[in-house]
PDB file of N, CA and C in Angstrom:
ATOM      1  N   MET A   1     325.516 157.736 244.365  1.00  0.00           N
ATOM      2  CA  MET A   1     325.026 156.507 244.963  1.00  0.00           C
ATOM      3  C   MET A   1     324.071 156.806 246.117  1.00  0.00           C
ATOM      4  N   ALA A   2     323.950 158.066 246.489  1.00  0.00           N
ATOM      5  CA  ALA A   2     323.088 158.438 247.600  1.00  0.00           C
ATOM      6  C   ALA A   2     321.611 158.447 247.212  1.00  0.00           C
ATOM      7  N   HIS A   3     321.302 158.528 245.930  1.00  0.00           N
ATOM      8  CA  HIS A   3     319.907 158.562 245.485  1.00  0.00           C
ATOM      9  C   HIS A   3     319.333 157.152 245.400  1.00  0.00           C
ATOM     10  N   ASP A   4     318.067 157.011 245.801  1.00  0.00           N
ATOM     11  CA  ASP A   4     317.344 155.758 245.599  1.00  0.00           C
ATOM     12  C   ASP A   4     316.566 155.913 244.298  1.00  0.00           C
ATOM     13  N   TRP A   5     316.992 155.211 243.280  1.00  0.00           N
ATOM     14  CA  TRP A   5     316.373 155.331 241.969  1.00  0.00           C
ATOM     15  C   TRP A   5     315.194 154.385 241.796  1.00  0.00           C
ATOM     16  N   GLY A   6     315.009 153.456 242.734  1.00  0.00           N
ATOM     17  CA  GLY A   6     313.916 152.506 242.637  1.00  0.00           C
ATOM     18  C   GLY A   6     314.205 151.328 241.733  1.00  0.00           C
ATOM     19  N   VAL A   7     315.415 151.259 241.211  1.00  0.00           N
ATOM     20  CA  VAL A   7     315.857 150.138 240.369  1.00  0.00           C
ATOM     21  C   VAL A   7     317.299 149.812 240.750  1.00  0.00           C
ATOM     22  N   LEU A   8     317.756 148.642 240.378  1.00  0.00           N
ATOM     23  CA  LEU A   8     319.166 148.299 240.562  1.00  0.00           C
ATOM     24  C   LEU A   8     319.971 149.080 239.536  1.00  0.00           C
ATOM     25  N   VAL A   9     320.912 149.890 240.005  1.00  0.00           N
ATOM     26  CA  VAL A   9     321.785 150.637 239.106  1.00  0.00           C
ATOM     27  C   VAL A   9     322.953 149.728 238.749  1.00  0.00           C
ATOM     28  N   ASP A  10     323.079 149.425 237.471  1.00  0.00           N
ATOM     29  CA  ASP A  10     324.111 148.504 237.015  1.00  0.00           C
ATOM     30  C   ASP A  10     325.496 149.111 237.024  1.00  0.00           C
ATOM     31  N   ALA A  11     325.588 150.435 236.826  1.00  0.00           N
ATOM     32  CA  ALA A  11     326.885 151.102 236.852  1.00  0.00           C
ATOM     33  C   ALA A  11     326.680 152.611 236.850  1.00  0.00           C
ATOM     34  N   TYR A  12     327.715 153.319 237.288  1.00  0.00           N
ATOM     35  CA  TYR A  12     327.726 154.783 237.314  1.00  0.00           C
ATOM     36  C   TYR A  12     328.698 155.265 236.250  1.00  0.00           C
ATOM     37  N   LEU A  13     328.290 156.267 235.492  1.00  0.00           N
ATOM     38  CA  LEU A  13     329.091 156.781 234.381  1.00  0.00           C
ATOM     39  C   LEU A  13     329.590 158.185 234.690  1.00  0.00           C
ATOM     40  N   VAL A  14     330.888 158.374 234.517  1.00  0.00           N
ATOM     41  CA  VAL A  14     331.539 159.654 234.778  1.00  0.00           C
ATOM     42  C   VAL A  14     332.151 160.150 233.472  1.00  0.00           C
ATOM     43  N   ASN A  15     332.149 161.480 233.290  1.00  0.00           N
ATOM     44  CA  ASN A  15     332.675 162.085 232.055  1.00  0.00           C
ATOM     45  C   ASN A  15     332.010 161.482 230.825  1.00  0.00           C
ATOM     46  N   ALA A  16     330.714 161.266 230.920  1.00  0.00           N
ATOM     47  CA  ALA A  16     329.961 160.634 229.839  1.00  0.00           C
ATOM     48  C   ALA A  16     329.824 161.567 228.647  1.00  0.00           C
ATOM     49  N   ALA A  17     329.988 161.008 227.468  1.00  0.00           N
ATOM     50  CA  ALA A  17     329.813 161.762 226.228  1.00  0.00           C
ATOM     51  C   ALA A  17     328.720 161.075 225.423  1.00  0.00           C
ATOM     52  N   ARG A  18     327.668 161.823 225.137  1.00  0.00           N
ATOM     53  CA  ARG A  18     326.548 161.262 224.389  1.00  0.00           C
ATOM     54  C   ARG A  18     326.894 161.180 222.919  1.00  0.00           C
ATOM     55  N   ILE A  19     326.620 160.021 222.343  1.00  0.00           N
ATOM     56  CA  ILE A  19     326.851 159.790 220.924  1.00  0.00           C
ATOM     57  C   ILE A  19     325.572 159.158 220.390  1.00  0.00           C
ATOM     58  N   GLY A  20     324.706 159.974 219.834  1.00  0.00           N
ATOM     59  CA  GLY A  20     323.396 159.475 219.403  1.00  0.00           C
ATOM     60  C   GLY A  20     322.590 159.049 220.613  1.00  0.00           C
ATOM     61  N   ASN A  21     322.177 157.783 220.644  1.00  0.00           N
ATOM     62  CA  ASN A  21     321.439 157.280 221.796  1.00  0.00           C
ATOM     63  C   ASN A  21     322.294 156.333 222.643  1.00  0.00           C
ATOM     64  N   ARG A  22     323.607 156.524 222.578  1.00  0.00           N
ATOM     65  CA  ARG A  22     324.567 155.757 223.380  1.00  0.00           C
ATOM     66  C   ARG A  22     325.475 156.734 224.111  1.00  0.00           C
ATOM     67  N   TYR A  23     326.235 156.223 225.081  1.00  0.00           N
ATOM     68  CA  TYR A  23     327.197 157.033 225.817  1.00  0.00           C
ATOM     69  C   TYR A  23     328.534 156.320 225.866  1.00  0.00           C
ATOM     70  N   ALA A  24     329.607 157.085 225.775  1.00  0.00           N
ATOM     71  CA  ALA A  24     330.954 156.614 226.082  1.00  0.00           C
ATOM     72  C   ALA A  24     331.315 157.291 227.394  1.00  0.00           C
ATOM     73  N   ALA A  25     331.888 156.528 228.336  1.00  0.00           N
ATOM     74  CA  ALA A  25     332.134 157.089 229.664  1.00  0.00           C
ATOM     75  C   ALA A  25     333.137 156.245 230.431  1.00  0.00           C
ATOM     76  N   THR A  26     333.580 156.787 231.565  1.00  0.00           N
ATOM     77  CA  THR A  26     334.368 156.043 232.536  1.00  0.00           C
ATOM     78  C   THR A  26     333.382 155.419 233.507  1.00  0.00           C
ATOM     79  N   VAL A  27     333.526 154.138 233.774  1.00  0.00           N
ATOM     80  CA  VAL A  27     332.551 153.400 234.581  1.00  0.00           C
ATOM     81  C   VAL A  27     333.055 153.161 236.001  1.00  0.00           C
ATOM     82  N   PHE A  28     332.132 153.180 236.941  1.00  0.00           N
ATOM     83  CA  PHE A  28     332.422 152.860 238.340  1.00  0.00           C
ATOM     84  C   PHE A  28     331.285 152.019 238.910  1.00  0.00           C
ATOM     85  N   CYS A  29     331.616 151.163 239.855  1.00  0.00           N
ATOM     86  CA  CYS A  29     330.635 150.347 240.604  1.00  0.00           C
ATOM     87  C   CYS A  29     329.801 149.455 239.697  1.00  0.00           C
ATOM     88  N   ASP A  30     330.440 148.812 238.728  1.00  0.00           N
ATOM     89  CA  ASP A  30     329.743 147.891 237.832  1.00  0.00           C
ATOM     90  C   ASP A  30     329.254 146.682 238.625  1.00  0.00           C
ATOM     91  N   GLN A  31     327.962 146.457 238.635  1.00  0.00           N
ATOM     92  CA  GLN A  31     327.371 145.374 239.412  1.00  0.00           C
ATOM     93  C   GLN A  31     327.600 143.995 238.805  1.00  0.00           C
ATOM     94  N   SER A  32     327.922 143.928 237.520  1.00  0.00           N
ATOM     95  CA  SER A  32     328.158 142.628 236.880  1.00  0.00           C
ATOM     96  C   SER A  32     329.508 142.045 237.271  1.00  0.00           C
ATOM     97  N   GLY A  33     330.416 142.922 237.712  1.00  0.00           N
ATOM     98  CA  GLY A  33     331.748 142.461 238.081  1.00  0.00           C
ATOM     99  C   GLY A  33     332.679 142.264 236.912  1.00  0.00           C
ATOM    100  N   THR A  34     332.229 142.574 235.714  1.00  0.00           N
ATOM    101  CA  THR A  34     333.084 142.382 234.541  1.00  0.00           C
ATOM    102  C   THR A  34     333.913 143.606 234.191  1.00  0.00           C
ATOM    103  N   LEU A  35     333.488 144.779 234.662  1.00  0.00           N
ATOM    104  CA  LEU A  35     334.211 146.010 234.367  1.00  0.00           C
ATOM    105  C   LEU A  35     334.883 146.532 235.621  1.00  0.00           C
ATOM    106  N   LEU A  36     336.115 146.949 235.475  1.00  0.00           N
ATOM    107  CA  LEU A  36     336.855 147.520 236.594  1.00  0.00           C
ATOM    108  C   LEU A  36     336.598 149.020 236.678  1.00  0.00           C
ATOM    109  N   ASP A  37     336.587 149.548 237.896  1.00  0.00           N
ATOM    110  CA  ASP A  37     336.446 150.987 238.076  1.00  0.00           C
ATOM    111  C   ASP A  37     337.496 151.719 237.254  1.00  0.00           C
ATOM    112  N   GLY A  38     337.054 152.736 236.525  1.00  0.00           N
ATOM    113  CA  GLY A  38     337.972 153.540 235.723  1.00  0.00           C
ATOM    114  C   GLY A  38     338.088 153.113 234.276  1.00  0.00           C
ATOM    115  N   MET A  39     337.460 151.991 233.914  1.00  0.00           N
ATOM    116  CA  MET A  39     337.505 151.554 232.513  1.00  0.00           C
ATOM    117  C   MET A  39     336.625 152.458 231.664  1.00  0.00           C
ATOM    118  N   THR A  40     336.971 152.584 230.397  1.00  0.00           N
ATOM    119  CA  THR A  40     336.135 153.309 229.444  1.00  0.00           C
ATOM    120  C   THR A  40     335.183 152.313 228.808  1.00  0.00           C
ATOM    121  N   VAL A  41     333.907 152.694 228.748  1.00  0.00           N
ATOM    122  CA  VAL A  41     332.882 151.817 228.187  1.00  0.00           C
ATOM    123  C   VAL A  41     332.020 152.578 227.191  1.00  0.00           C
ATOM    124  N   ALA A  42     331.313 151.825 226.382  1.00  0.00           N
ATOM    125  CA  ALA A  42     330.270 152.374 225.514  1.00  0.00           C
ATOM    126  C   ALA A  42     328.998 151.613 225.846  1.00  0.00           C
ATOM    127  N   THR A  43     327.947 152.345 226.162  1.00  0.00           N
ATOM    128  CA  THR A  43     326.682 151.692 226.484  1.00  0.00           C
ATOM    129  C   THR A  43     326.003 151.198 225.213  1.00  0.00           C
ATOM    130  N   ARG A  44     325.034 150.336 225.401  1.00  0.00           N
ATOM    131  CA  ARG A  44     324.117 150.010 224.311  1.00  0.00           C
ATOM    132  C   ARG A  44     323.148 151.180 224.196  1.00  0.00           C
ATOM    133  N   SER A  45     322.233 151.127 223.280  1.00  0.00           N
ATOM    134  CA  SER A  45     321.252 152.200 223.113  1.00  0.00           C
ATOM    135  C   SER A  45     320.469 152.390 224.401  1.00  0.00           C
ATOM    136  N   VAL A  46     320.334 153.660 224.828  1.00  0.00           N
ATOM    137  CA  VAL A  46     319.672 153.984 226.093  1.00  0.00           C
ATOM    138  C   VAL A  46     318.669 155.114 225.897  1.00  0.00           C
ATOM    139  N   ARG A  47     317.820 155.255 226.912  1.00  0.00           N
ATOM    140  CA  ARG A  47     316.894 156.391 226.980  1.00  0.00           C
ATOM    141  C   ARG A  47     316.901 156.903 228.412  1.00  0.00           C
ATOM    142  N   GLN A  48     316.696 158.202 228.572  1.00  0.00           N
ATOM    143  CA  GLN A  48     316.636 158.793 229.909  1.00  0.00           C
ATOM    144  C   GLN A  48     315.266 158.521 230.499  1.00  0.00           C
ATOM    145  N   ILE A  49     315.239 158.027 231.756  1.00  0.00           N
ATOM    146  CA  ILE A  49     313.949 157.756 232.386  1.00  0.00           C
ATOM    147  C   ILE A  49     313.719 158.567 233.657  1.00  0.00           C
ATOM    148  N   ALA A  50     314.764 159.195 234.195  1.00  0.00           N
ATOM    149  CA  ALA A  50     314.595 160.010 235.403  1.00  0.00           C
ATOM    150  C   ALA A  50     315.772 160.949 235.545  1.00  0.00           C
ATOM    151  N   ALA A  51     315.571 161.987 236.367  1.00  0.00           N
ATOM    152  CA  ALA A  51     316.643 162.924 236.690  1.00  0.00           C
ATOM    153  C   ALA A  51     316.489 163.341 238.143  1.00  0.00           C
ATOM    154  N   ARG A  52     317.623 163.482 238.809  1.00  0.00           N
ATOM    155  CA  ARG A  52     317.659 163.973 240.190  1.00  0.00           C
ATOM    156  C   ARG A  52     318.805 164.964 240.266  1.00  0.00           C
ATOM    157  N   GLY A  53     318.461 166.240 240.351  1.00  0.00           N
ATOM    158  CA  GLY A  53     319.510 167.251 240.323  1.00  0.00           C
ATOM    159  C   GLY A  53     320.219 167.175 238.995  1.00  0.00           C
ATOM    160  N   SER A  54     321.532 167.081 239.038  1.00  0.00           N
ATOM    161  CA  SER A  54     322.313 167.028 237.798  1.00  0.00           C
ATOM    162  C   SER A  54     322.575 165.603 237.328  1.00  0.00           C
ATOM    163  N   HIS A  55     322.053 164.607 238.037  1.00  0.00           N
ATOM    164  CA  HIS A  55     322.261 163.206 237.658  1.00  0.00           C
ATOM    165  C   HIS A  55     321.068 162.692 236.875  1.00  0.00           C
ATOM    166  N   ILE A  56     321.342 161.824 235.895  1.00  0.00           N
ATOM    167  CA  ILE A  56     320.250 161.244 235.118  1.00  0.00           C
ATOM    168  C   ILE A  56     320.329 159.728 235.148  1.00  0.00           C
ATOM    169  N   LEU A  57     319.163 159.111 235.137  1.00  0.00           N
ATOM    170  CA  LEU A  57     319.061 157.660 235.100  1.00  0.00           C
ATOM    171  C   LEU A  57     318.731 157.247 233.679  1.00  0.00           C
ATOM    172  N   LEU A  58     319.542 156.344 233.153  1.00  0.00           N
ATOM    173  CA  LEU A  58     319.345 155.819 231.815  1.00  0.00           C
ATOM    174  C   LEU A  58     318.910 154.368 231.906  1.00  0.00           C
ATOM    175  N   GLN A  59     318.118 153.949 230.949  1.00  0.00           N
ATOM    176  CA  GLN A  59     317.728 152.545 230.831  1.00  0.00           C
ATOM    177  C   GLN A  59     318.036 152.107 229.408  1.00  0.00           C
ATOM    178  N   THR A  60     318.595 150.911 229.266  1.00  0.00           N
ATOM    179  CA  THR A  60     318.829 150.403 227.921  1.00  0.00           C
ATOM    180  C   THR A  60     317.476 150.198 227.243  1.00  0.00           C
ATOM    181  N   VAL A  61     317.456 150.304 225.923  1.00  0.00           N
ATOM    182  CA  VAL A  61     316.211 150.194 225.173  1.00  0.00           C
ATOM    183  C   VAL A  61     315.523 148.856 225.441  1.00  0.00           C
ATOM    184  N   ASP A  62     316.303 147.805 225.672  1.00  0.00           N
ATOM    185  CA  ASP A  62     315.696 146.499 225.965  1.00  0.00           C
ATOM    186  C   ASP A  62     315.231 146.380 227.420  1.00  0.00           C
ATOM    187  N   GLY A  63     315.499 147.413 228.242  1.00  0.00           N
ATOM    188  CA  GLY A  63     315.030 147.449 229.618  1.00  0.00           C
ATOM    189  C   GLY A  63     315.837 146.643 230.610  1.00  0.00           C
ATOM    190  N   LYS A  64     316.940 146.049 230.180  1.00  0.00           N
ATOM    191  CA  LYS A  64     317.708 145.152 231.051  1.00  0.00           C
ATOM    192  C   LYS A  64     318.681 145.852 231.983  1.00  0.00           C
ATOM    193  N   ASP A  65     319.210 147.008 231.599  1.00  0.00           N
ATOM    194  CA  ASP A  65     320.246 147.670 232.393  1.00  0.00           C
ATOM    195  C   ASP A  65     319.887 149.114 232.676  1.00  0.00           C
ATOM    196  N   HIS A  66     320.411 149.604 233.828  1.00  0.00           N
ATOM    197  CA  HIS A  66     320.227 150.998 234.234  1.00  0.00           C
ATOM    198  C   HIS A  66     321.586 151.591 234.591  1.00  0.00           C
ATOM    199  N   TYR A  67     321.815 152.813 234.143  1.00  0.00           N
ATOM    200  CA  TYR A  67     323.054 153.526 234.420  1.00  0.00           C
ATOM    201  C   TYR A  67     322.714 154.906 234.958  1.00  0.00           C
ATOM    202  N   VAL A  68     323.544 155.399 235.852  1.00  0.00           N
ATOM    203  CA  VAL A  68     323.408 156.769 236.312  1.00  0.00           C
ATOM    204  C   VAL A  68     324.568 157.575 235.744  1.00  0.00           C
ATOM    205  N   VAL A  69     324.233 158.659 235.051  1.00  0.00           N
ATOM    206  CA  VAL A  69     325.256 159.580 234.558  1.00  0.00           C
ATOM    207  C   VAL A  69     325.539 160.559 235.693  1.00  0.00           C
ATOM    208  N   VAL A  70     326.767 160.489 236.202  1.00  0.00           N
ATOM    209  CA  VAL A  70     327.187 161.356 237.302  1.00  0.00           C
ATOM    210  C   VAL A  70     327.685 162.679 236.756  1.00  0.00           C
ATOM    211  N   THR A  71     328.523 162.622 235.735  1.00  0.00           N
ATOM    212  CA  THR A  71     328.993 163.824 235.048  1.00  0.00           C
ATOM    213  C   THR A  71     328.929 163.575 233.554  1.00  0.00           C
ATOM    214  N   GLU A  72     328.645 164.649 232.815  1.00  0.00           N
ATOM    215  CA  GLU A  72     328.490 164.531 231.370  1.00  0.00           C
ATOM    216  C   GLU A  72     329.305 165.599 230.672  1.00  0.00           C
ATOM    217  N   GLN A  73     329.936 165.216 229.581  1.00  0.00           N
ATOM    218  CA  GLN A  73     330.695 166.169 228.779  1.00  0.00           C
ATOM    219  C   GLN A  73     329.730 167.070 228.034  1.00  0.00           C
ATOM    220  N   GLY A  74     329.963 168.369 228.122  1.00  0.00           N
ATOM    221  CA  GLY A  74     329.133 169.339 227.414  1.00  0.00           C
ATOM    222  C   GLY A  74     329.816 169.788 226.143  1.00  0.00           C
ATOM    223  N   VAL A  75     329.270 170.793 225.538  1.00  0.00           N
ATOM    224  CA  VAL A  75     329.848 171.367 224.328  1.00  0.00           C
ATOM    225  C   VAL A  75     331.249 171.871 224.646  1.00  0.00           C
ATOM    226  N   GLY A  76     332.188 171.554 223.798  1.00  0.00           N
ATOM    227  CA  GLY A  76     333.562 172.005 223.996  1.00  0.00           C
ATOM    228  C   GLY A  76     334.320 171.195 225.030  1.00  0.00           C
ATOM    229  N   GLY A  77     333.763 170.052 225.436  1.00  0.00           N
ATOM    230  CA  GLY A  77     334.463 169.171 226.361  1.00  0.00           C
ATOM    231  C   GLY A  77     334.333 169.546 227.823  1.00  0.00           C
ATOM    232  N   ARG A  78     333.517 170.561 228.152  1.00  0.00           N
ATOM    233  CA  ARG A  78     333.321 170.928 229.542  1.00  0.00           C
ATOM    234  C   ARG A  78     332.487 169.880 230.249  1.00  0.00           C
ATOM    235  N   THR A  79     332.825 169.591 231.496  1.00  0.00           N
ATOM    236  CA  THR A  79     332.107 168.574 232.247  1.00  0.00           C
ATOM    237  C   THR A  79     331.014 169.217 233.071  1.00  0.00           C
ATOM    238  N   HIS A  80     329.819 168.625 233.014  1.00  0.00           N
ATOM    239  CA  HIS A  80     328.675 169.100 233.783  1.00  0.00           C
ATOM    240  C   HIS A  80     328.238 168.005 234.744  1.00  0.00           C
ATOM    241  N   GLY A  81     327.719 168.397 235.890  1.00  0.00           N
ATOM    242  CA  GLY A  81     327.129 167.413 236.772  1.00  0.00           C
ATOM    243  C   GLY A  81     327.719 167.312 238.139  1.00  0.00           C
ATOM    244  N   TYR A  82     328.828 167.978 238.424  1.00  0.00           N
ATOM    245  CA  TYR A  82     329.379 167.913 239.766  1.00  0.00           C
ATOM    246  C   TYR A  82     328.533 168.769 240.680  1.00  0.00           C
ATOM    247  N   ASP A  83     328.071 168.188 241.771  1.00  0.00           N
ATOM    248  CA  ASP A  83     327.339 168.955 242.773  1.00  0.00           C
ATOM    249  C   ASP A  83     328.327 169.741 243.614  1.00  0.00           C
ATOM    250  N   SER A  84     328.017 170.990 243.872  1.00  0.00           N
ATOM    251  CA  SER A  84     328.904 171.837 244.670  1.00  0.00           C
ATOM    252  C   SER A  84     328.628 171.658 246.133  1.00  0.00           C
TER     253      SER A  84
END
């Protein structure tokens, strides 16, 4: 949340697993107020539009929502993205 992405970030995704052009993840700080912190979600189709360090900014294909991937599941279930 320390980065200024230049857009309203709709939610932050932790332990995100990429599935095609969508992600399944644990969500935090959902701006819509419909999702509780810690819920598991699946995004709509997204594309990466920016990166800052190990974090990436995603935008839905329709351009309506933005998500930041804080940590992402790698090959073999290893988590990537924690800043030391």
